Amino acid sequence: MNHHTKRRGFVVSLAATSLVIGVIAGFFAAHRMMGDMKSAPTQNMPGMGAMKPMEMTSTPGIGGKEGAIMIPAVMRQLIGVRSAPAARATLEQEIRTVGTVGYDERGFTQVTLKISGWVREVFVNSIGRPVRKGEPLFTLYSPDLLITQDEYLLALKTQAQLAASPLGEAKSNAASLVASSRERLRLWDVTDLQIAALERRGTAEPVLTVYAPSSGIVLKREAVPGKYAEPGTTLYEVADLSMVWISADIYESEVAAVRLNQPVSVAFAAYPGETFRGTVTYIYPTMNAEARTVRVRLELPNPGLKLKPGMFGNVTLRTDAANTLVVPKEAVLETGLRQLVFLDQGQGRYEPASVKLGRRSQDSVEVIEGLKEGDRIVTSANFLLDAESKLASASSMQAMMGRVGMGDWQMRGAYESKMEDMPGMEMGSQKGMTVAETRQMDGLTLSLATVPGKPKAGDVLLRLNVTDQAGKPVTNAQVVFVYTMPMPGMTDSKAPARHTKDGLYEGTVRFGMGGTWVVTVNVTIPGRPSIAEKFQFSVVGGGM
C-alpha cells in the first residue's frame, strides 16, 4: 500500500468517524429540543390562535421514573448500548497492595563473644557467603580462656590423684572443682567436643575456634584478623533466607476481609511471568494513623534464594469465595455519594437505579441492595445514558417552571434586571464560580472543579484538590487528566497538571465540542498504588 492510498484511507476513516459523532450529537440535540418544545407553555401570539407544542413519543422522563429515557433502536446501535442480566456467581474478592521482602526473623542469628580476646584467623571473610551450622568462622586468642583451660586440667589431675583417697569429702571437692571448670568453659561457648579434645590432649589450646550457630547467609561481618573484641561484640549476623517475610500495608476498609493463613500471590518485576505463593501469617494490632493502613506479614518459600531482602512485590490477597449476586464492574457508575446502574426495561427504555455494593473482584462487583437476579442492566455506553438522564431531569424541571406562566418569567426578569443594577450583585459574576465534585478513594479525597463552573467548548481549566483522610493536603502527587467523549472513534487526550499550592493541582484541557465529556483523573503518589477516578461534565457549544 503506497503513501497516497494510506492517506486516502485515513481521510475516509476520519470522515466516517466525524459522521457518526455528528449523527449522535445531532440526535441528542434534536431529542432535547423536541422535549423542550413539548414542555413549553402554550402562548397566544397576536393574530394567531393558541400554539400547541409538538408531540414526541420518546421524550425522556415522561410517564415513568425520574431520569428514565427512551433511545431508538438505530441510536442504540450507533452508541453501542449493550445489556446483560444480573446473575449469581462465585465471587472472590481481591486486595492488591505492594510489599517489601525481608528475612525471616526466626532464622536470624548474631555471633557474639562472652569473653575478651583477639581474632587470629578468619575462615568466613565476606558478606553474602552461605554458611552451614557448625562451620568454623574464626579463631580467638583469649588469656582468660587459656587460664580456665589450665584450671580444668589441674582439677582433672587432682580428681585422679584423690580417686583412691579414703577421704570422701576431698574426693567430692575435687569432683565439684572439675564440674565448675567444665561449666565455665561451656558458658564461654566451648563445645563438648572441644572439651573432650582438651582432656585427651592434656594441654591448653591457645586459641578457640568459633563455629556458626545456624545455617544461612552472612549479612554482617566484623571479624578481621588482629581485631580485639570485648564481651558482647557482634562479629557476624547470619540469616536463613530459605523462607522470607513480606511486609505489606492494606487500607482500613479492607482489614475485615483479611484472615490468617489466607493464600496470597506475589509478582516481582525481576521475574516477569512468575508467581510466588504464600500465606498471611500475622496481622499487626496497630494502625498507621496518618495513612489509615494496617500492616500484614506474609510468609513465602524462597527456592533458589531468588527473593532478596529489600525487593518490592505486587501482592494479591484473595478472600474466601462466596456465591452472590454480581454485575460487571463497567455497569456501575460511581458518583461519590452513591452508585448507579441503568435498568434495561425493554423497547429502548432505560431507568437509573441506585445500588449498594459489596466485595469486588477483578471483573465483577457484588450487589447487596437495589437489584434482583435476572434484572437486565446496561454494561456499555452508560456514561451517555447518564448524561442524557440528567438532561431529561433538567428538561422536566424546566417544563414545570414554564407552567407558572409568562407573567412570572417577566417578573423574575425584572427582578434580575434590578439585582444587576445593585453593586456586587451582577448576574454575570457567577460565570467564574466553580462547583467541585468530591470523591473518596483509597484513603484520599479528590475534589475536581472546572473554571468556569459551566464549561464551554474550548480551553477549560481543571482544578483538583487532593487531601488525605486527616484532611492534610497532598503535595507530592503526579496528576494527569485524561479526557474524551464516550463515543465510537473518539481517542483519549492527556493534560498534565501542576501543583500550585496546598494540594491544589491545575491543568488545562480542550473540549473540542459540546456534549458529554469524561475526565479520568490519574493520581500517583510515591509508595502507593496509582488511582484513576472518572468524572463527567456536560459541555455546551462554543456559540451558546
Protein backbone atom coordinates (compact mmCIF):
# COMPACT_ATOMS: atom_id res chain seq x y z
CA MET A 1 0.00 0.00 0.00
CA ASN A 2 1.58 3.34 -1.12
CA HIS A 3 1.57 6.64 0.69
CA HIS A 4 -1.39 8.11 -1.26
CA THR A 5 -3.54 5.06 -0.64
CA LYS A 6 -2.83 5.20 3.11
CA ARG A 7 -3.66 8.90 3.13
CA ARG A 8 -6.99 8.32 1.32
CA GLY A 9 -7.81 5.56 3.85
CA PHE A 10 -7.08 7.87 6.75
CA VAL A 11 -9.28 10.64 5.28
CA VAL A 12 -12.16 8.19 4.71
CA SER A 13 -11.83 6.84 8.28
CA LEU A 14 -11.77 10.35 9.71
CA ALA A 15 -14.82 11.35 7.68
CA ALA A 16 -16.73 8.27 8.84
CA THR A 17 -15.89 8.94 12.48
CA SER A 18 -16.96 12.59 12.15
CA LEU A 19 -20.21 11.49 10.54
CA VAL A 20 -21.01 9.11 13.41
CA ILE A 21 -20.21 11.75 16.03
CA GLY A 22 -22.28 14.31 14.19
CA VAL A 23 -25.27 11.99 13.91
CA ILE A 24 -25.14 11.13 17.62
CA ALA A 25 -24.72 14.73 18.73
CA GLY A 26 -27.46 15.85 16.35
CA PHE A 27 -29.83 13.20 17.65
CA PHE A 28 -29.40 14.14 21.28
CA ALA A 29 -29.65 17.85 20.48
CA ALA A 30 -32.85 17.32 18.49
CA HIS A 31 -34.16 14.98 21.18
CA ARG A 32 -33.68 17.58 23.88
CA MET A 33 -35.08 20.36 21.67
CA MET A 34 -38.24 18.38 20.99
CA GLY A 35 -38.63 17.70 24.69
CA ASP A 36 -38.23 21.39 25.47
CA MET A 37 -40.79 22.31 22.84
CA LYS A 38 -43.27 19.85 24.25
CA SER A 39 -42.77 21.09 27.80
CA ALA A 40 -43.02 24.79 26.81
CA PRO A 41 -46.22 26.61 27.92
CA THR A 42 -48.93 27.40 25.37
CA GLN A 43 -48.63 31.00 24.16
CA ASN A 44 -51.06 33.30 22.35
CA MET A 45 -49.47 35.28 19.53
CA PRO A 46 -51.14 38.37 18.05
CA GLY A 47 -53.21 37.43 15.07
CA MET A 48 -52.75 33.71 15.69
CA GLY A 49 -54.52 31.10 17.76
CA ALA A 50 -53.02 29.23 20.65
CA MET A 51 -49.89 27.36 19.55
CA LYS A 52 -49.60 23.79 20.82
CA PRO A 53 -46.23 22.18 21.50
CA MET A 54 -45.03 19.45 19.18
CA GLU A 55 -45.79 15.88 20.27
CA MET A 56 -42.91 13.42 20.68
CA THR A 57 -43.46 9.87 21.94
CA SER A 58 -39.85 9.29 23.05
CA THR A 59 -39.49 12.32 25.32
CA PRO A 60 -37.10 11.45 28.22
CA GLY A 61 -38.60 11.15 31.68
CA ILE A 62 -42.21 11.16 30.51
CA GLY A 63 -44.67 8.78 32.15
CA GLY A 64 -42.14 6.90 34.29
CA LYS A 65 -39.38 7.01 36.85
CA GLU A 66 -37.41 10.23 37.29
CA GLY A 67 -34.46 10.22 34.89
CA ALA A 68 -35.88 7.49 32.62
CA ILE A 69 -35.04 7.89 28.94
CA MET A 70 -36.09 6.39 25.60
CA ILE A 71 -33.45 5.57 22.97
CA PRO A 72 -34.49 4.43 19.45
CA ALA A 73 -33.00 1.22 18.07
CA VAL A 74 -30.84 2.99 15.48
CA MET A 75 -29.20 5.18 18.09
CA ARG A 76 -28.71 2.21 20.43
CA GLN A 77 -26.64 0.58 17.72
CA LEU A 78 -24.67 3.75 16.99
CA ILE A 79 -23.64 4.42 20.58
CA GLY A 80 -23.11 0.72 21.35
CA VAL A 81 -25.61 0.13 24.15
CA ARG A 82 -25.32 -3.44 25.47
CA SER A 83 -27.16 -5.12 28.33
CA ALA A 84 -26.61 -8.19 30.49
CA PRO A 85 -28.61 -9.82 33.28
CA ALA A 86 -27.59 -9.60 36.94
CA ALA A 87 -26.78 -13.16 37.96
CA ARG A 88 -25.48 -15.13 40.89
CA ALA A 89 -21.88 -16.24 40.60
CA THR A 90 -18.93 -17.23 42.73
CA LEU A 91 -17.13 -14.05 43.74
CA GLU A 92 -13.63 -13.95 45.14
CA GLN A 93 -12.54 -10.53 46.34
CA GLU A 94 -9.04 -9.37 45.52
CA ILE A 95 -6.97 -6.99 47.62
CA ARG A 96 -3.96 -5.54 45.83
CA THR A 97 -1.05 -3.81 47.51
CA VAL A 98 2.75 -3.52 47.42
CA GLY A 99 5.02 -5.42 49.82
CA THR A 100 8.70 -5.38 50.79
CA VAL A 101 10.79 -8.53 51.16
CA GLY A 102 12.58 -9.08 54.48
CA TYR A 103 14.30 -12.01 56.15
CA ASP A 104 12.56 -14.44 58.46
CA GLU A 105 13.40 -13.12 61.92
CA ARG A 106 13.07 -16.59 63.41
CA GLY A 107 16.12 -17.67 61.40
CA PHE A 108 18.23 -14.62 62.25
CA THR A 109 21.34 -15.20 64.42
CA GLN A 110 24.11 -12.99 65.81
CA VAL A 111 27.56 -14.33 66.65
CA THR A 112 28.86 -12.55 69.75
CA LEU A 113 31.61 -13.19 72.32
CA LYS A 114 31.26 -13.79 76.04
CA ILE A 115 34.97 -13.27 76.73
CA SER A 116 37.51 -10.76 75.55
CA GLY A 117 40.30 -11.64 73.17
CA TRP A 118 41.95 -11.13 69.79
CA VAL A 119 40.77 -12.55 66.46
CA ARG A 120 43.51 -14.70 64.92
CA GLU A 121 42.39 -16.50 61.76
CA VAL A 122 39.17 -15.79 59.82
CA PHE A 123 37.57 -18.55 57.71
CA VAL A 124 34.36 -16.76 56.60
CA ASN A 125 35.60 -13.43 55.32
CA SER A 126 32.84 -11.94 53.10
CA ILE A 127 29.25 -10.73 53.35
CA GLY A 128 26.69 -12.73 51.38
CA ARG A 129 28.53 -16.02 51.80
CA PRO A 130 26.36 -19.01 52.72
CA VAL A 131 27.39 -20.91 55.84
CA ARG A 132 26.25 -24.18 57.41
CA LYS A 133 25.56 -24.82 61.06
CA GLY A 134 28.76 -25.98 62.77
CA GLU A 135 31.06 -24.49 60.11
CA PRO A 136 34.16 -22.73 61.60
CA LEU A 137 34.01 -18.93 61.40
CA PHE A 138 37.22 -17.71 63.08
CA THR A 139 39.71 -18.42 65.87
CA LEU A 140 40.12 -16.35 69.04
CA TYR A 141 43.03 -15.97 71.43
CA SER A 142 41.89 -15.18 74.99
CA PRO A 143 44.12 -15.16 78.10
CA ASP A 144 41.05 -15.77 80.31
CA LEU A 145 40.13 -18.83 78.28
CA LEU A 146 43.70 -20.15 78.45
CA ILE A 147 43.74 -19.82 82.26
CA THR A 148 40.37 -21.57 82.59
CA GLN A 149 41.62 -24.48 80.45
CA ASP A 150 44.64 -24.88 82.74
CA GLU A 151 42.37 -24.80 85.79
CA TYR A 152 40.19 -27.51 84.26
CA LEU A 153 43.21 -29.73 83.51
CA LEU A 154 44.51 -29.21 87.06
CA ALA A 155 41.11 -30.11 88.51
CA LEU A 156 41.09 -33.31 86.44
CA LYS A 157 44.59 -34.20 87.66
CA THR A 158 43.63 -33.56 91.30
CA GLN A 159 40.49 -35.69 90.93
CA ALA A 160 42.54 -38.55 89.54
CA GLN A 161 45.04 -38.34 92.43
CA LEU A 162 42.25 -38.41 95.03
CA ALA A 163 40.41 -41.26 93.41
CA ALA A 164 41.95 -43.80 95.86
CA SER A 165 41.76 -41.47 98.88
CA PRO A 166 39.67 -42.71 101.83
CA LEU A 167 38.57 -39.11 102.44
CA GLY A 168 35.16 -38.77 100.85
CA GLU A 169 34.99 -35.02 101.33
CA ALA A 170 38.25 -34.48 99.47
CA LYS A 171 37.03 -36.60 96.57
CA SER A 172 33.75 -34.65 96.48
CA ASN A 173 35.55 -31.30 96.43
CA ALA A 174 37.76 -32.44 93.58
CA ALA A 175 34.72 -33.55 91.58
CA SER A 176 32.99 -30.20 92.22
CA LEU A 177 36.04 -28.31 91.01
CA VAL A 178 36.08 -30.32 87.77
CA ALA A 179 32.37 -29.72 87.20
CA SER A 180 32.56 -25.97 87.82
CA SER A 181 35.56 -25.59 85.47
CA ARG A 182 33.80 -27.56 82.73
CA GLU A 183 30.61 -25.48 83.12
CA ARG A 184 32.59 -22.25 82.85
CA LEU A 185 34.06 -23.44 79.53
CA ARG A 186 30.61 -24.36 78.23
CA LEU A 187 29.24 -20.93 79.17
CA TRP A 188 32.03 -19.42 77.08
CA ASP A 189 30.73 -21.42 74.08
CA VAL A 190 33.40 -24.11 74.25
CA THR A 191 31.71 -27.21 72.83
CA ASP A 192 31.72 -30.69 74.42
CA LEU A 193 33.88 -31.94 71.56
CA GLN A 194 36.44 -29.23 72.26
CA ILE A 195 36.42 -30.09 76.00
CA ALA A 196 36.90 -33.78 75.20
CA ALA A 197 39.81 -32.89 72.90
CA LEU A 198 41.32 -30.80 75.72
CA GLU A 199 41.13 -33.79 78.09
CA ARG A 200 42.81 -36.10 75.56
CA ARG A 201 45.50 -33.56 74.73
CA GLY A 202 46.30 -32.69 78.34
CA THR A 203 47.47 -29.20 77.43
CA ALA A 204 45.54 -25.93 76.98
CA GLU A 205 44.77 -24.76 73.44
CA PRO A 206 45.98 -21.13 72.97
CA VAL A 207 43.18 -20.29 70.50
CA LEU A 208 39.47 -21.12 70.46
CA THR A 209 37.64 -21.93 67.20
CA VAL A 210 34.18 -20.31 66.98
CA TYR A 211 31.58 -22.17 64.89
CA ALA A 212 28.41 -20.97 63.07
CA PRO A 213 25.37 -21.42 65.36
CA SER A 214 22.95 -21.82 62.40
CA SER A 215 22.81 -22.10 58.62
CA GLY A 216 22.12 -19.10 56.42
CA ILE A 217 23.60 -16.13 54.59
CA VAL A 218 26.14 -13.79 56.18
CA LEU A 219 24.53 -10.33 56.38
CA LYS A 220 27.21 -8.69 58.53
CA ARG A 221 30.86 -9.48 59.22
CA GLU A 222 33.07 -7.61 61.67
CA ALA A 223 35.66 -10.32 62.35
CA VAL A 224 39.04 -9.35 60.88
CA PRO A 225 42.47 -10.74 61.85
CA GLY A 226 44.01 -8.89 64.78
CA LYS A 227 40.75 -7.26 65.92
CA TYR A 228 40.31 -7.00 69.69
CA ALA A 229 36.79 -7.96 70.76
CA GLU A 230 35.15 -7.45 74.11
CA PRO A 231 32.21 -9.41 75.56
CA GLY A 232 29.01 -8.55 73.69
CA THR A 233 30.76 -7.58 70.43
CA THR A 234 28.76 -8.78 67.38
CA LEU A 235 31.15 -10.27 64.87
CA TYR A 236 28.66 -11.92 62.47
CA GLU A 237 24.95 -11.76 61.56
CA VAL A 238 23.52 -14.79 59.78
CA ALA A 239 20.00 -15.04 58.32
CA ASP A 240 18.21 -18.06 56.92
CA LEU A 241 16.67 -16.95 53.59
CA SER A 242 15.06 -20.25 52.63
CA MET A 243 11.84 -18.65 53.93
CA VAL A 244 11.22 -14.88 53.63
CA TRP A 245 8.73 -12.44 55.11
CA ILE A 246 6.92 -9.77 53.12
CA SER A 247 5.50 -6.72 54.88
CA ALA A 248 2.51 -5.10 53.16
CA ASP A 249 0.04 -2.35 54.11
CA ILE A 250 -3.71 -2.67 53.48
CA TYR A 251 -6.35 0.01 53.84
CA GLU A 252 -8.64 0.28 56.83
CA SER A 253 -11.68 -0.66 54.72
CA GLU A 254 -10.02 -3.95 53.68
CA VAL A 255 -8.99 -5.20 57.13
CA ALA A 256 -12.17 -7.19 57.73
CA ALA A 257 -11.54 -9.29 54.62
CA VAL A 258 -8.04 -10.45 55.68
CA ARG A 259 -7.59 -13.67 57.67
CA LEU A 260 -4.66 -15.67 59.00
CA ASN A 261 -3.47 -18.47 56.68
CA GLN A 262 -5.14 -16.67 53.78
CA PRO A 263 -3.45 -17.55 50.45
CA VAL A 264 -1.55 -14.78 48.66
CA SER A 265 0.32 -14.44 45.39
CA VAL A 266 3.20 -12.06 44.75
CA ALA A 267 4.68 -10.94 41.42
CA PHE A 268 8.11 -9.31 41.08
CA ALA A 269 9.47 -7.15 38.28
CA ALA A 270 12.69 -9.18 38.38
CA TYR A 271 10.82 -12.38 37.44
CA PRO A 272 8.13 -11.49 34.85
CA GLY A 273 5.53 -14.18 34.34
CA GLU A 274 6.44 -15.97 37.57
CA THR A 275 4.15 -16.01 40.60
CA PHE A 276 5.30 -16.72 44.17
CA ARG A 277 2.69 -18.08 46.57
CA GLY A 278 2.48 -17.87 50.35
CA THR A 279 0.11 -17.20 53.25
CA VAL A 280 -0.81 -14.46 55.72
CA THR A 281 0.95 -15.30 58.99
CA TYR A 282 0.36 -12.17 61.10
CA ILE A 283 -1.89 -9.11 61.20
CA TYR A 284 -0.35 -6.30 63.23
CA PRO A 285 -2.54 -5.00 66.09
CA THR A 286 -1.86 -1.30 65.41
CA MET A 287 -2.78 1.11 62.62
CA ASN A 288 -0.83 3.80 60.83
CA ALA A 289 -2.90 6.83 61.87
CA GLU A 290 -1.65 9.04 59.02
CA ALA A 291 -2.02 6.60 56.12
CA ARG A 292 -5.01 4.74 57.68
CA THR A 293 -3.42 1.38 56.89
CA VAL A 294 -2.73 -1.84 58.78
CA ARG A 295 0.41 -3.89 58.21
CA VAL A 296 0.23 -7.60 57.49
CA ARG A 297 3.05 -10.15 57.32
CA LEU A 298 3.22 -12.71 54.55
CA GLU A 299 5.42 -15.80 54.54
CA LEU A 300 6.79 -17.23 51.28
CA PRO A 301 9.16 -20.09 50.44
CA ASN A 302 12.28 -18.85 48.66
CA PRO A 303 13.57 -21.63 46.39
CA GLY A 304 16.93 -20.83 44.88
CA LEU A 305 17.12 -17.71 47.08
CA LYS A 306 15.55 -15.67 44.26
CA LEU A 307 13.88 -13.22 46.61
CA LYS A 308 16.28 -10.69 48.10
CA PRO A 309 15.57 -8.58 51.19
CA GLY A 310 14.51 -5.12 50.10
CA MET A 311 12.79 -6.16 46.84
CA PHE A 312 9.30 -4.80 46.07
CA GLY A 313 6.49 -7.12 45.02
CA ASN A 314 2.88 -6.70 43.84
CA VAL A 315 0.78 -8.58 46.38
CA THR A 316 -2.68 -10.03 45.66
CA LEU A 317 -4.77 -11.38 48.55
CA ARG A 318 -7.82 -13.46 47.72
CA THR A 319 -10.69 -13.79 50.17
CA ASP A 320 -12.96 -16.80 50.62
CA ALA A 321 -15.20 -17.36 47.60
CA ALA A 322 -18.94 -16.77 48.05
CA ASN A 323 -21.96 -17.33 45.80
CA THR A 324 -23.69 -13.95 45.49
CA LEU A 325 -25.43 -11.57 43.06
CA VAL A 326 -22.86 -9.85 40.84
CA VAL A 327 -22.74 -7.43 37.91
CA PRO A 328 -19.83 -6.40 35.66
CA LYS A 329 -17.71 -3.56 37.02
CA GLU A 330 -18.26 -1.43 33.93
CA ALA A 331 -22.03 -1.44 34.59
CA VAL A 332 -21.67 0.68 37.74
CA LEU A 333 -21.39 4.47 37.69
CA GLU A 334 -19.57 5.83 40.76
CA THR A 335 -20.90 9.26 41.71
CA GLY A 336 -19.03 9.58 45.00
CA LEU A 337 -22.12 9.61 47.23
CA ARG A 338 -23.86 6.66 45.58
CA GLN A 339 -23.52 4.02 42.88
CA LEU A 340 -25.87 3.81 39.90
CA VAL A 341 -26.78 1.27 37.25
CA PHE A 342 -29.19 1.63 34.32
CA LEU A 343 -32.02 -0.91 34.10
CA ASP A 344 -32.95 -2.07 30.61
CA GLN A 345 -36.78 -2.11 30.66
CA GLY A 346 -37.05 -3.17 27.03
CA GLN A 347 -38.26 -1.31 23.93
CA GLY A 348 -35.40 1.17 24.29
CA ARG A 349 -36.41 2.38 27.76
CA TYR A 350 -33.72 2.79 30.44
CA GLU A 351 -34.10 3.79 34.08
CA PRO A 352 -31.37 4.67 36.64
CA ALA A 353 -31.31 2.60 39.82
CA SER A 354 -29.28 3.18 42.99
CA VAL A 355 -27.44 0.09 44.27
CA LYS A 356 -25.41 -0.85 47.33
CA LEU A 357 -22.17 -2.64 46.50
CA GLY A 358 -20.08 -5.14 48.43
CA ARG A 359 -16.96 -7.08 47.57
CA ARG A 360 -15.13 -6.61 44.29
CA SER A 361 -13.10 -8.89 42.06
CA GLN A 362 -11.07 -8.01 39.00
CA ASP A 363 -14.11 -8.06 36.67
CA SER A 364 -17.24 -8.16 38.86
CA VAL A 365 -18.76 -6.45 41.87
CA GLU A 366 -21.24 -7.75 44.43
CA VAL A 367 -24.68 -6.09 44.64
CA ILE A 368 -26.14 -6.15 48.16
CA GLU A 369 -29.22 -3.99 47.53
CA GLY A 370 -31.01 -2.45 44.56
CA LEU A 371 -31.16 -5.36 42.09
CA LYS A 372 -32.57 -8.85 41.92
CA GLU A 373 -31.45 -11.83 39.89
CA GLY A 374 -32.47 -11.54 36.24
CA ASP A 375 -32.66 -7.72 36.07
CA ARG A 376 -31.09 -6.54 32.82
CA ILE A 377 -28.57 -3.75 33.23
CA VAL A 378 -26.58 -1.65 30.78
CA THR A 379 -22.92 -2.67 30.55
CA SER A 380 -21.66 -0.19 27.93
CA ALA A 381 -22.41 3.42 26.90
CA ASN A 382 -23.86 4.03 30.37
CA PHE A 383 -21.98 7.35 30.58
CA LEU A 384 -24.01 8.62 27.64
CA LEU A 385 -27.23 7.35 29.19
CA ASP A 386 -26.36 9.03 32.49
CA ALA A 387 -25.73 12.36 30.76
CA GLU A 388 -29.00 12.12 28.84
CA SER A 389 -30.84 11.11 32.03
CA LYS A 390 -29.59 14.22 33.83
CA LEU A 391 -30.60 16.39 30.89
CA ALA A 392 -34.03 14.73 30.89
CA SER A 393 -34.44 15.58 34.59
CA ALA A 394 -33.38 19.15 33.87
CA SER A 395 -35.89 19.35 31.00
CA SER A 396 -38.66 18.12 33.29
CA MET A 397 -37.82 20.84 35.82
CA GLN A 398 -37.75 23.43 33.07
CA ALA A 399 -41.17 22.29 31.85
CA MET A 400 -42.57 22.59 35.38
CA MET A 401 -41.15 26.07 35.69
CA GLY A 402 -42.73 27.00 32.34
CA ARG A 403 -46.24 26.18 33.59
CA VAL A 404 -46.25 29.12 36.03
CA GLY A 405 -46.89 31.42 33.05
CA MET A 406 -45.12 34.16 31.17
CA GLY A 407 -46.08 36.72 33.82
CA ASP A 408 -43.81 35.01 36.34
CA TRP A 409 -40.96 34.95 33.84
CA GLN A 410 -41.43 38.66 33.20
CA MET A 411 -41.49 39.31 36.96
CA ARG A 412 -38.35 37.25 37.50
CA GLY A 413 -36.65 39.02 34.57
CA ALA A 414 -37.47 42.40 36.05
CA TYR A 415 -36.19 41.26 39.43
CA GLU A 416 -32.91 40.02 37.91
CA SER A 417 -32.53 43.27 36.00
CA LYS A 418 -32.98 45.15 39.25
CA MET A 419 -30.46 42.91 41.01
CA GLU A 420 -27.94 43.53 38.26
CA ASP A 421 -28.16 47.25 38.95
CA MET A 422 -27.17 46.67 42.59
CA PRO A 423 -23.42 46.85 43.33
CA GLY A 424 -21.80 43.45 43.79
CA MET A 425 -24.93 41.59 42.59
CA GLU A 426 -24.24 41.24 38.87
CA MET A 427 -25.59 38.01 37.49
CA GLY A 428 -22.64 37.74 35.14
CA SER A 429 -20.34 37.47 38.14
CA GLN A 430 -21.48 33.91 38.61
CA LYS A 431 -19.75 32.83 35.42
CA GLY A 432 -16.45 32.34 37.17
CA MET A 433 -17.88 30.28 40.03
CA THR A 434 -16.74 26.68 40.34
CA VAL A 435 -18.66 23.77 41.86
CA ALA A 436 -16.38 20.92 42.92
CA GLU A 437 -17.37 17.25 42.73
CA THR A 438 -15.80 15.29 45.57
CA ARG A 439 -14.84 11.61 45.64
CA GLN A 440 -13.17 9.48 48.30
CA MET A 441 -10.88 6.68 47.13
CA ASP A 442 -8.20 4.59 48.84
CA GLY A 443 -7.79 6.97 51.77
CA LEU A 444 -7.73 10.13 49.63
CA THR A 445 -10.30 12.84 48.96
CA LEU A 446 -10.40 14.17 45.37
CA SER A 447 -12.33 17.37 44.60
CA LEU A 448 -12.47 18.31 40.90
CA ALA A 449 -13.88 21.58 39.58
CA THR A 450 -13.93 23.46 36.25
CA VAL A 451 -13.31 27.11 35.58
CA PRO A 452 -15.80 28.35 34.51
CA GLY A 453 -18.30 26.32 36.51
CA LYS A 454 -20.37 25.62 33.36
CA PRO A 455 -17.69 24.65 30.84
CA LYS A 456 -17.99 25.63 27.19
CA ALA A 457 -16.30 24.08 24.19
CA GLY A 458 -12.69 25.21 24.06
CA ASP A 459 -9.97 25.51 26.68
CA VAL A 460 -11.20 24.77 30.23
CA LEU A 461 -9.15 24.95 33.43
CA LEU A 462 -9.46 21.89 35.72
CA ARG A 463 -8.66 22.24 39.41
CA LEU A 464 -8.09 19.12 41.53
CA ASN A 465 -7.69 19.32 45.30
CA VAL A 466 -6.09 16.22 46.90
CA THR A 467 -6.17 15.61 50.67
CA ASP A 468 -5.62 12.57 52.87
CA GLN A 469 -8.08 11.16 55.40
CA ALA A 470 -6.77 13.51 58.07
CA GLY A 471 -7.63 16.46 55.81
CA LYS A 472 -3.97 17.32 55.15
CA PRO A 473 -3.11 18.46 51.60
CA VAL A 474 -1.11 16.02 49.46
CA THR A 475 1.64 17.98 47.73
CA ASN A 476 3.89 15.24 46.26
CA ALA A 477 1.47 13.68 43.76
CA GLN A 478 1.74 13.42 39.98
CA VAL A 479 -1.60 14.24 38.34
CA VAL A 480 -2.62 13.70 34.72
CA PHE A 481 -6.05 14.48 33.24
CA VAL A 482 -7.19 12.05 30.51
CA TYR A 483 -10.33 13.24 28.74
CA THR A 484 -12.54 12.02 25.89
CA MET A 485 -16.12 11.85 24.66
CA PRO A 486 -17.54 8.33 25.18
CA MET A 487 -18.35 7.80 21.51
CA PRO A 488 -17.04 5.41 18.85
CA GLY A 489 -13.92 6.74 17.18
CA MET A 490 -13.01 9.24 19.90
CA THR A 491 -9.47 8.90 21.26
CA ASP A 492 -8.13 9.94 24.65
CA SER A 493 -6.28 13.20 25.16
CA LYS A 494 -3.94 13.92 28.06
CA ALA A 495 -3.14 17.07 30.01
CA PRO A 496 -0.57 17.07 32.85
CA ALA A 497 -1.42 19.07 35.96
CA ARG A 498 0.98 21.10 38.06
CA HIS A 499 0.85 21.66 41.82
CA THR A 500 0.14 25.27 42.70
CA LYS A 501 -0.31 25.30 46.48
CA ASP A 502 -1.76 23.32 49.41
CA GLY A 503 -2.64 20.16 47.47
CA LEU A 504 -4.24 22.06 44.52
CA TYR A 505 -3.34 20.81 41.02
CA GLU A 506 -4.28 22.71 37.85
CA GLY A 507 -4.27 21.69 34.21
CA THR A 508 -5.91 22.98 31.02
CA VAL A 509 -7.93 20.67 28.76
CA ARG A 510 -9.52 21.40 25.40
CA PHE A 511 -13.11 20.26 24.92
CA GLY A 512 -13.48 20.24 21.14
CA MET A 513 -17.29 20.30 21.02
CA GLY A 514 -20.38 20.50 23.17
CA GLY A 515 -21.72 17.33 24.74
CA THR A 516 -20.79 14.88 27.47
CA TRP A 517 -17.09 14.61 28.29
CA VAL A 518 -15.48 12.10 30.65
CA VAL A 519 -12.33 13.16 32.52
CA THR A 520 -10.24 10.43 34.16
CA VAL A 521 -8.05 11.79 36.96
CA ASN A 522 -4.84 9.76 37.37
CA VAL A 523 -3.09 10.38 40.72
CA THR A 524 0.26 8.79 41.51
CA ILE A 525 1.79 9.21 44.99
CA PRO A 526 5.22 7.67 45.78
CA GLY A 527 4.90 4.43 47.72
CA ARG A 528 1.17 3.99 46.99
CA PRO A 529 -0.82 2.34 44.18
CA SER A 530 -1.96 4.67 41.43
CA ILE A 531 -5.55 5.94 41.49
CA ALA A 532 -7.76 6.51 38.43
CA GLU A 533 -11.17 8.12 39.02
CA LYS A 534 -13.67 9.21 36.34
CA PHE A 535 -15.63 12.48 36.37
CA GLN A 536 -18.29 13.53 33.88
CA PHE A 537 -19.08 17.01 32.53
CA SER A 538 -21.79 18.43 30.27
CA VAL A 539 -20.12 20.93 27.94
CA VAL A 540 -22.12 23.49 25.98
CA GLY A 541 -21.16 24.51 22.47
CA GLY A 542 -18.89 27.47 21.90
CA GLY A 543 -21.65 29.58 20.41
CA MET A 544 -24.05 29.20 23.37
